[in-house]
């Protein structure tokens, strides 16, 4: 092509967006800011802390992985697997 010539660009009509669906242990959809409850007792790696079954966790944040959510418990932030959570 010579300088200054027009070039035609093909633009796709449909854009494939990978929308992530985060689900709890019962199959309910989780969204940013939901409250969840623990399904079983969990021990924190590298610590003697144990989170008991039924502990309510408020205001979860979604991560890049659909099997994990980030939440704040006490003064620390932890990442939990969604298979141990149920929506409240």
PDB file of N, CA and C in Angstrom:
ATOM      1  N   UNK A   1       0.827  -1.186   0.000  1.00  0.00           N
ATOM      2  CA  UNK A   1       0.000   0.000   0.000  1.00  0.00           C
ATOM      3  C   UNK A   1       0.868   1.245   0.000  1.00  0.00           C
ATOM      4  N   UNK A   2       0.395   2.230  -0.600  1.00  0.00           N
ATOM      5  CA  UNK A   2       1.116   3.482  -0.640  1.00  0.00           C
ATOM      6  C   UNK A   2       0.705   4.365   0.550  1.00  0.00           C
ATOM      7  N   UNK A   3       1.517   5.287   0.950  1.00  0.00           N
ATOM      8  CA  UNK A   3       1.215   6.139   2.109  1.00  0.00           C
ATOM      9  C   UNK A   3      -0.042   6.962   1.876  1.00  0.00           C
ATOM     10  N   UNK A   4      -0.865   7.064   2.896  1.00  0.00           N
ATOM     11  CA  UNK A   4      -2.071   7.869   2.806  1.00  0.00           C
ATOM     12  C   UNK A   4      -3.261   7.104   2.259  1.00  0.00           C
ATOM     13  N   UNK A   5      -3.106   5.829   1.910  1.00  0.00           N
ATOM     14  CA  UNK A   5      -4.226   5.043   1.389  1.00  0.00           C
ATOM     15  C   UNK A   5      -5.091   4.556   2.552  1.00  0.00           C
ATOM     16  N   UNK A   6      -6.375   4.425   2.267  1.00  0.00           N
ATOM     17  CA  UNK A   6      -7.309   3.951   3.289  1.00  0.00           C
ATOM     18  C   UNK A   6      -7.181   2.453   3.449  1.00  0.00           C
ATOM     19  N   UNK A   7      -7.254   2.011   4.687  1.00  0.00           N
ATOM     20  CA  UNK A   7      -7.256   0.578   4.941  1.00  0.00           C
ATOM     21  C   UNK A   7      -8.570   0.220   5.622  1.00  0.00           C
ATOM     22  N   UNK A   8      -9.143  -0.876   5.173  1.00  0.00           N
ATOM     23  CA  UNK A   8     -10.392  -1.336   5.763  1.00  0.00           C
ATOM     24  C   UNK A   8     -10.078  -2.343   6.864  1.00  0.00           C
ATOM     25  N   UNK A   9     -10.733  -2.160   7.982  1.00  0.00           N
ATOM     26  CA  UNK A   9     -10.520  -3.035   9.131  1.00  0.00           C
ATOM     27  C   UNK A   9     -11.828  -3.746   9.430  1.00  0.00           C
ATOM     28  N   UNK A  10     -11.750  -5.053   9.577  1.00  0.00           N
ATOM     29  CA  UNK A  10     -12.953  -5.816   9.933  1.00  0.00           C
ATOM     30  C   UNK A  10     -13.146  -5.756  11.443  1.00  0.00           C
ATOM     31  N   UNK A  11     -14.326  -5.349  11.857  1.00  0.00           N
ATOM     32  CA  UNK A  11     -14.658  -5.259  13.273  1.00  0.00           C
ATOM     33  C   UNK A  11     -15.664  -6.363  13.586  1.00  0.00           C
ATOM     34  N   UNK A  12     -15.404  -7.173  14.610  1.00  0.00           N
ATOM     35  CA  UNK A  12     -16.350  -8.241  14.939  1.00  0.00           C
ATOM     36  C   UNK A  12     -17.674  -7.660  15.437  1.00  0.00           C
ATOM     37  N   UNK A  13     -18.770  -8.279  15.039  1.00  0.00           N
ATOM     38  CA  UNK A  13     -20.078  -7.804  15.455  1.00  0.00           C
ATOM     39  C   UNK A  13     -20.390  -8.217  16.889  1.00  0.00           C
ATOM     40  N   UNK A  14     -19.922  -9.381  17.298  1.00  0.00           N
ATOM     41  CA  UNK A  14     -20.193  -9.878  18.644  1.00  0.00           C
ATOM     42  C   UNK A  14     -18.873 -10.033  19.388  1.00  0.00           C
ATOM     43  N   UNK A  15     -18.847  -9.513  20.576  1.00  0.00           N
ATOM     44  CA  UNK A  15     -17.663  -9.632  21.413  1.00  0.00           C
ATOM     45  C   UNK A  15     -17.971 -10.649  22.495  1.00  0.00           C
ATOM     46  N   UNK A  16     -17.120 -11.637  22.635  1.00  0.00           N
ATOM     47  CA  UNK A  16     -17.312 -12.684  23.623  1.00  0.00           C
ATOM     48  C   UNK A  16     -16.765 -12.221  24.966  1.00  0.00           C
ATOM     49  N   UNK A  17     -17.655 -11.953  25.912  1.00  0.00           N
ATOM     50  CA  UNK A  17     -17.251 -11.562  27.254  1.00  0.00           C
ATOM     51  C   UNK A  17     -17.377 -12.774  28.162  1.00  0.00           C
ATOM     52  N   UNK A  18     -16.308 -13.108  28.844  1.00  0.00           N
ATOM     53  CA  UNK A  18     -16.358 -14.225  29.784  1.00  0.00           C
ATOM     54  C   UNK A  18     -16.882 -13.707  31.109  1.00  0.00           C
ATOM     55  N   UNK A  19     -18.162 -13.920  31.345  1.00  0.00           N
ATOM     56  CA  UNK A  19     -18.785 -13.474  32.579  1.00  0.00           C
ATOM     57  C   UNK A  19     -18.650 -14.590  33.603  1.00  0.00           C
ATOM     58  N   UNK A  20     -18.071 -14.262  34.735  1.00  0.00           N
ATOM     59  CA  UNK A  20     -17.798 -15.247  35.756  1.00  0.00           C
ATOM     60  C   UNK A  20     -19.003 -15.382  36.683  1.00  0.00           C
ATOM     61  N   UNK A  21     -19.418 -16.624  36.937  1.00  0.00           N
ATOM     62  CA  UNK A  21     -20.503 -16.893  37.871  1.00  0.00           C
ATOM     63  C   UNK A  21     -19.910 -17.551  39.105  1.00  0.00           C
ATOM     64  N   UNK A  22     -20.014 -16.873  40.218  1.00  0.00           N
ATOM     65  CA  UNK A  22     -19.508 -17.412  41.474  1.00  0.00           C
ATOM     66  C   UNK A  22     -20.694 -17.986  42.239  1.00  0.00           C
ATOM     67  N   UNK A  23     -20.602 -19.278  42.585  1.00  0.00           N
ATOM     68  CA  UNK A  23     -21.710 -19.953  43.263  1.00  0.00           C
ATOM     69  C   UNK A  23     -21.243 -20.515  44.596  1.00  0.00           C
ATOM     70  N   UNK A  24     -22.170 -20.542  45.555  1.00  0.00           N
ATOM     71  CA  UNK A  24     -21.855 -21.112  46.862  1.00  0.00           C
ATOM     72  C   UNK A  24     -22.050 -22.623  46.839  1.00  0.00           C
ATOM     73  N   UNK A  25     -21.999 -23.263  48.007  1.00  0.00           N
ATOM     74  CA  UNK A  25     -22.098 -24.721  48.072  1.00  0.00           C
ATOM     75  C   UNK A  25     -23.476 -25.236  47.659  1.00  0.00           C
ATOM     76  N   UNK A  26     -24.501 -24.399  47.742  1.00  0.00           N
ATOM     77  CA  UNK A  26     -25.861 -24.811  47.353  1.00  0.00           C
ATOM     78  C   UNK A  26     -26.206 -24.434  45.917  1.00  0.00           C
ATOM     79  N   UNK A  27     -25.311 -23.742  45.229  1.00  0.00           N
ATOM     80  CA  UNK A  27     -25.563 -23.352  43.842  1.00  0.00           C
ATOM     81  C   UNK A  27     -26.151 -21.961  43.683  1.00  0.00           C
ATOM     82  N   UNK A  28     -26.272 -21.205  44.767  1.00  0.00           N
ATOM     83  CA  UNK A  28     -26.787 -19.836  44.684  1.00  0.00           C
ATOM     84  C   UNK A  28     -25.683 -18.903  44.187  1.00  0.00           C
ATOM     85  N   UNK A  29     -26.059 -17.925  43.368  1.00  0.00           N
ATOM     86  CA  UNK A  29     -25.093 -16.963  42.846  1.00  0.00           C
ATOM     87  C   UNK A  29     -24.645 -16.003  43.937  1.00  0.00           C
ATOM     88  N   UNK A  30     -23.356 -15.758  44.009  1.00  0.00           N
ATOM     89  CA  UNK A  30     -22.793 -14.794  44.949  1.00  0.00           C
ATOM     90  C   UNK A  30     -22.364 -13.556  44.185  1.00  0.00           C
ATOM     91  N   UNK A  31     -22.642 -12.401  44.755  1.00  0.00           N
ATOM     92  CA  UNK A  31     -22.229 -11.132  44.153  1.00  0.00           C
ATOM     93  C   UNK A  31     -21.439 -10.334  45.184  1.00  0.00           C
ATOM     94  N   UNK A  32     -20.790  -9.310  44.717  1.00  0.00           N
ATOM     95  CA  UNK A  32     -19.989  -8.432  45.571  1.00  0.00           C
ATOM     96  C   UNK A  32     -20.856  -7.844  46.683  1.00  0.00           C
ATOM     97  N   UNK A  33     -20.400  -7.960  47.947  1.00  0.00           N
ATOM     98  CA  UNK A  33     -21.112  -7.372  49.071  1.00  0.00           C
ATOM     99  C   UNK A  33     -22.098  -8.296  49.758  1.00  0.00           C
ATOM    100  N   UNK A  34     -22.241  -9.533  49.311  1.00  0.00           N
ATOM    101  CA  UNK A  34     -23.153 -10.495  49.949  1.00  0.00           C
ATOM    102  C   UNK A  34     -22.655 -10.893  51.328  1.00  0.00           C
ATOM    103  N   UNK A  35     -23.570 -11.433  52.119  1.00  0.00           N
ATOM    104  CA  UNK A  35     -23.219 -12.040  53.403  1.00  0.00           C
ATOM    105  C   UNK A  35     -23.300 -13.544  53.241  1.00  0.00           C
ATOM    106  N   UNK A  36     -22.326 -14.242  53.808  1.00  0.00           N
ATOM    107  CA  UNK A  36     -22.277 -15.698  53.704  1.00  0.00           C
ATOM    108  C   UNK A  36     -22.071 -16.300  55.095  1.00  0.00           C
ATOM    109  N   UNK A  37     -22.301 -17.604  55.167  1.00  0.00           N
ATOM    110  CA  UNK A  37     -22.170 -18.342  56.405  1.00  0.00           C
ATOM    111  C   UNK A  37     -21.307 -19.567  56.137  1.00  0.00           C
ATOM    112  N   UNK A  38     -20.453 -19.949  57.086  1.00  0.00           N
ATOM    113  CA  UNK A  38     -19.593 -21.123  56.918  1.00  0.00           C
ATOM    114  C   UNK A  38     -20.404 -22.398  57.080  1.00  0.00           C
ATOM    115  N   UNK A  39     -20.122 -23.381  56.239  1.00  0.00           N
ATOM    116  CA  UNK A  39     -20.827 -24.653  56.262  1.00  0.00           C
ATOM    117  C   UNK A  39     -20.158 -25.632  57.226  1.00  0.00           C
ATOM    118  N   UNK A  40     -18.858 -25.516  57.429  1.00  0.00           N
ATOM    119  CA  UNK A  40     -18.129 -26.403  58.333  1.00  0.00           C
ATOM    120  C   UNK A  40     -17.015 -25.652  59.035  1.00  0.00           C
ATOM    121  N   UNK A  41     -16.448 -26.280  60.066  1.00  0.00           N
ATOM    122  CA  UNK A  41     -15.335 -25.671  60.792  1.00  0.00           C
ATOM    123  C   UNK A  41     -14.111 -25.608  59.883  1.00  0.00           C
ATOM    124  N   UNK A  42     -13.423 -24.469  59.898  1.00  0.00           N
ATOM    125  CA  UNK A  42     -12.229 -24.287  59.080  1.00  0.00           C
ATOM    126  C   UNK A  42     -11.083 -23.810  59.953  1.00  0.00           C
ATOM    127  N   UNK A  43      -9.913 -24.417  59.768  1.00  0.00           N
ATOM    128  CA  UNK A  43      -8.720 -23.944  60.467  1.00  0.00           C
ATOM    129  C   UNK A  43      -7.900 -23.115  59.490  1.00  0.00           C
ATOM    130  N   UNK A  44      -7.340 -22.050  59.997  1.00  0.00           N
ATOM    131  CA  UNK A  44      -6.557 -21.143  59.174  1.00  0.00           C
ATOM    132  C   UNK A  44      -5.133 -21.678  59.059  1.00  0.00           C
ATOM    133  N   UNK A  45      -4.630 -21.771  57.825  1.00  0.00           N
ATOM    134  CA  UNK A  45      -3.268 -22.279  57.607  1.00  0.00           C
ATOM    135  C   UNK A  45      -2.237 -21.382  58.276  1.00  0.00           C
ATOM    136  N   UNK A  46      -1.274 -21.998  58.940  1.00  0.00           N
ATOM    137  CA  UNK A  46      -0.205 -21.248  59.566  1.00  0.00           C
ATOM    138  C   UNK A  46      -0.602 -20.573  60.864  1.00  0.00           C
ATOM    139  N   UNK A  47      -1.782 -20.919  61.381  1.00  0.00           N
ATOM    140  CA  UNK A  47      -2.267 -20.302  62.610  1.00  0.00           C
ATOM    141  C   UNK A  47      -3.100 -21.321  63.377  1.00  0.00           C
ATOM    142  N   UNK A  48      -3.339 -21.046  64.640  1.00  0.00           N
ATOM    143  CA  UNK A  48      -4.175 -21.935  65.440  1.00  0.00           C
ATOM    144  C   UNK A  48      -5.631 -21.474  65.451  1.00  0.00           C
ATOM    145  N   UNK A  49      -5.950 -20.477  64.645  1.00  0.00           N
ATOM    146  CA  UNK A  49      -7.303 -19.927  64.590  1.00  0.00           C
ATOM    147  C   UNK A  49      -8.252 -20.895  63.896  1.00  0.00           C
ATOM    148  N   UNK A  50      -9.418 -21.109  64.487  1.00  0.00           N
ATOM    149  CA  UNK A  50     -10.453 -21.953  63.894  1.00  0.00           C
ATOM    150  C   UNK A  50     -11.724 -21.136  63.742  1.00  0.00           C
ATOM    151  N   UNK A  51     -12.302 -21.152  62.557  1.00  0.00           N
ATOM    152  CA  UNK A  51     -13.586 -20.505  62.313  1.00  0.00           C
ATOM    153  C   UNK A  51     -14.663 -21.573  62.418  1.00  0.00           C
ATOM    154  N   UNK A  52     -15.617 -21.370  63.316  1.00  0.00           N
ATOM    155  CA  UNK A  52     -16.650 -22.358  63.594  1.00  0.00           C
ATOM    156  C   UNK A  52     -17.737 -22.354  62.532  1.00  0.00           C
ATOM    157  N   UNK A  53     -18.396 -23.504  62.397  1.00  0.00           N
ATOM    158  CA  UNK A  53     -19.533 -23.637  61.483  1.00  0.00           C
ATOM    159  C   UNK A  53     -20.623 -22.658  61.901  1.00  0.00           C
ATOM    160  N   UNK A  54     -21.214 -21.973  60.928  1.00  0.00           N
ATOM    161  CA  UNK A  54     -22.266 -21.007  61.214  1.00  0.00           C
ATOM    162  C   UNK A  54     -21.772 -19.588  61.380  1.00  0.00           C
ATOM    163  N   UNK A  55     -20.464 -19.370  61.320  1.00  0.00           N
ATOM    164  CA  UNK A  55     -19.926 -18.009  61.427  1.00  0.00           C
ATOM    165  C   UNK A  55     -20.389 -17.183  60.235  1.00  0.00           C
ATOM    166  N   UNK A  56     -20.980 -16.036  60.510  1.00  0.00           N
ATOM    167  CA  UNK A  56     -21.495 -15.172  59.444  1.00  0.00           C
ATOM    168  C   UNK A  56     -20.407 -14.194  59.027  1.00  0.00           C
ATOM    169  N   UNK A  57     -20.197 -14.096  57.735  1.00  0.00           N
ATOM    170  CA  UNK A  57     -19.201 -13.189  57.172  1.00  0.00           C
ATOM    171  C   UNK A  57     -19.930 -12.206  56.258  1.00  0.00           C
ATOM    172  N   UNK A  58     -19.735 -10.928  56.512  1.00  0.00           N
ATOM    173  CA  UNK A  58     -20.433  -9.888  55.747  1.00  0.00           C
ATOM    174  C   UNK A  58     -19.519  -9.269  54.708  1.00  0.00           C
ATOM    175  N   UNK A  59     -20.121  -8.735  53.671  1.00  0.00           N
ATOM    176  CA  UNK A  59     -19.437  -7.917  52.664  1.00  0.00           C
ATOM    177  C   UNK A  59     -18.259  -8.643  52.005  1.00  0.00           C
ATOM    178  N   UNK A  60     -18.558  -9.715  51.273  1.00  0.00           N
ATOM    179  CA  UNK A  60     -17.509 -10.450  50.565  1.00  0.00           C
ATOM    180  C   UNK A  60     -17.099  -9.698  49.308  1.00  0.00           C
ATOM    181  N   UNK A  61     -15.889  -9.986  48.837  1.00  0.00           N
ATOM    182  CA  UNK A  61     -15.388  -9.432  47.575  1.00  0.00           C
ATOM    183  C   UNK A  61     -15.016 -10.596  46.670  1.00  0.00           C
ATOM    184  N   UNK A  62     -15.346 -10.479  45.399  1.00  0.00           N
ATOM    185  CA  UNK A  62     -15.031 -11.526  44.438  1.00  0.00           C
ATOM    186  C   UNK A  62     -13.592 -11.377  43.962  1.00  0.00           C
ATOM    187  N   UNK A  63     -12.968 -12.510  43.640  1.00  0.00           N
ATOM    188  CA  UNK A  63     -11.597 -12.507  43.133  1.00  0.00           C
ATOM    189  C   UNK A  63     -11.612 -12.908  41.664  1.00  0.00           C
ATOM    190  N   UNK A  64     -10.442 -13.051  41.076  1.00  0.00           N
ATOM    191  CA  UNK A  64     -10.349 -13.475  39.679  1.00  0.00           C
ATOM    192  C   UNK A  64     -10.725 -14.941  39.507  1.00  0.00           C
ATOM    193  N   UNK A  65     -10.645 -15.717  40.575  1.00  0.00           N
ATOM    194  CA  UNK A  65     -10.984 -17.135  40.542  1.00  0.00           C
ATOM    195  C   UNK A  65     -12.425 -17.306  41.000  1.00  0.00           C
ATOM    196  N   UNK A  66     -13.235 -18.043  40.242  1.00  0.00           N
ATOM    197  CA  UNK A  66     -14.640 -18.200  40.615  1.00  0.00           C
ATOM    198  C   UNK A  66     -14.848 -19.154  41.779  1.00  0.00           C
ATOM    199  N   UNK A  67     -13.820 -19.825  42.247  1.00  0.00           N
ATOM    200  CA  UNK A  67     -13.943 -20.724  43.397  1.00  0.00           C
ATOM    201  C   UNK A  67     -13.460 -20.092  44.692  1.00  0.00           C
ATOM    202  N   UNK A  68     -13.084 -18.821  44.668  1.00  0.00           N
ATOM    203  CA  UNK A  68     -12.573 -18.152  45.861  1.00  0.00           C
ATOM    204  C   UNK A  68     -13.205 -16.778  46.033  1.00  0.00           C
ATOM    205  N   UNK A  69     -13.439 -16.404  47.299  1.00  0.00           N
ATOM    206  CA  UNK A  69     -13.899 -15.055  47.630  1.00  0.00           C
ATOM    207  C   UNK A  69     -12.986 -14.500  48.716  1.00  0.00           C
ATOM    208  N   UNK A  70     -12.889 -13.198  48.758  1.00  0.00           N
ATOM    209  CA  UNK A  70     -12.051 -12.508  49.736  1.00  0.00           C
ATOM    210  C   UNK A  70     -12.979 -11.857  50.752  1.00  0.00           C
ATOM    211  N   UNK A  71     -12.632 -11.969  52.025  1.00  0.00           N
ATOM    212  CA  UNK A  71     -13.478 -11.357  53.048  1.00  0.00           C
ATOM    213  C   UNK A  71     -12.627 -10.883  54.210  1.00  0.00           C
ATOM    214  N   UNK A  72     -13.219 -10.044  55.014  1.00  0.00           N
ATOM    215  CA  UNK A  72     -12.523  -9.471  56.156  1.00  0.00           C
ATOM    216  C   UNK A  72     -13.118 -10.080  57.423  1.00  0.00           C
ATOM    217  N   UNK A  73     -12.250 -10.733  58.200  1.00  0.00           N
ATOM    218  CA  UNK A  73     -12.663 -11.321  59.466  1.00  0.00           C
ATOM    219  C   UNK A  73     -11.802 -10.689  60.554  1.00  0.00           C
ATOM    220  N   UNK A  74     -12.444  -9.992  61.468  1.00  0.00           N
ATOM    221  CA  UNK A  74     -11.691  -9.265  62.491  1.00  0.00           C
ATOM    222  C   UNK A  74     -10.921  -8.125  61.843  1.00  0.00           C
ATOM    223  N   UNK A  75      -9.599  -8.120  62.033  1.00  0.00           N
ATOM    224  CA  UNK A  75      -8.768  -7.081  61.420  1.00  0.00           C
ATOM    225  C   UNK A  75      -8.020  -7.583  60.203  1.00  0.00           C
ATOM    226  N   UNK A  76      -8.139  -8.873  59.895  1.00  0.00           N
ATOM    227  CA  UNK A  76      -7.397  -9.443  58.773  1.00  0.00           C
ATOM    228  C   UNK A  76      -8.292  -9.782  57.601  1.00  0.00           C
ATOM    229  N   UNK A  77      -7.696  -9.904  56.442  1.00  0.00           N
ATOM    230  CA  UNK A  77      -8.404 -10.295  55.226  1.00  0.00           C
ATOM    231  C   UNK A  77      -7.976 -11.705  54.856  1.00  0.00           C
ATOM    232  N   UNK A  78      -8.952 -12.567  54.565  1.00  0.00           N
ATOM    233  CA  UNK A  78      -8.652 -13.945  54.197  1.00  0.00           C
ATOM    234  C   UNK A  78      -9.369 -14.300  52.903  1.00  0.00           C
ATOM    235  N   UNK A  79      -8.906 -15.356  52.265  1.00  0.00           N
ATOM    236  CA  UNK A  79      -9.531 -15.867  51.047  1.00  0.00           C
ATOM    237  C   UNK A  79     -10.135 -17.221  51.382  1.00  0.00           C
ATOM    238  N   UNK A  80     -11.424 -17.402  51.063  1.00  0.00           N
ATOM    239  CA  UNK A  80     -12.128 -18.644  51.362  1.00  0.00           C
ATOM    240  C   UNK A  80     -12.619 -19.301  50.081  1.00  0.00           C
ATOM    241  N   UNK A  81     -12.652 -20.624  50.069  1.00  0.00           N
ATOM    242  CA  UNK A  81     -13.222 -21.379  48.955  1.00  0.00           C
ATOM    243  C   UNK A  81     -14.745 -21.309  49.048  1.00  0.00           C
ATOM    244  N   UNK A  82     -15.404 -21.182  47.902  1.00  0.00           N
ATOM    245  CA  UNK A  82     -16.854 -21.054  47.897  1.00  0.00           C
ATOM    246  C   UNK A  82     -17.568 -22.359  48.250  1.00  0.00           C
ATOM    247  N   UNK A  83     -16.876 -23.492  48.177  1.00  0.00           N
ATOM    248  CA  UNK A  83     -17.524 -24.763  48.519  1.00  0.00           C
ATOM    249  C   UNK A  83     -17.781 -24.882  50.019  1.00  0.00           C
ATOM    250  N   UNK A  84     -17.188 -24.005  50.837  1.00  0.00           N
ATOM    251  CA  UNK A  84     -17.412 -24.010  52.282  1.00  0.00           C
ATOM    252  C   UNK A  84     -18.367 -22.902  52.728  1.00  0.00           C
ATOM    253  N   UNK A  85     -19.000 -22.217  51.786  1.00  0.00           N
ATOM    254  CA  UNK A  85     -19.873 -21.087  52.105  1.00  0.00           C
ATOM    255  C   UNK A  85     -21.287 -21.315  51.620  1.00  0.00           C
ATOM    256  N   UNK A  86     -22.242 -20.696  52.326  1.00  0.00           N
ATOM    257  CA  UNK A  86     -23.615 -20.639  51.818  1.00  0.00           C
ATOM    258  C   UNK A  86     -24.125 -19.227  51.999  1.00  0.00           C
ATOM    259  N   UNK A  87     -24.961 -18.797  51.090  1.00  0.00           N
ATOM    260  CA  UNK A  87     -25.491 -17.425  51.107  1.00  0.00           C
ATOM    261  C   UNK A  87     -26.522 -17.287  52.224  1.00  0.00           C
ATOM    262  N   UNK A  88     -26.460 -16.151  52.925  1.00  0.00           N
ATOM    263  CA  UNK A  88     -27.410 -15.895  54.032  1.00  0.00           C
ATOM    264  C   UNK A  88     -28.548 -15.050  53.529  1.00  0.00           C
TER     265      UNK A  88
END
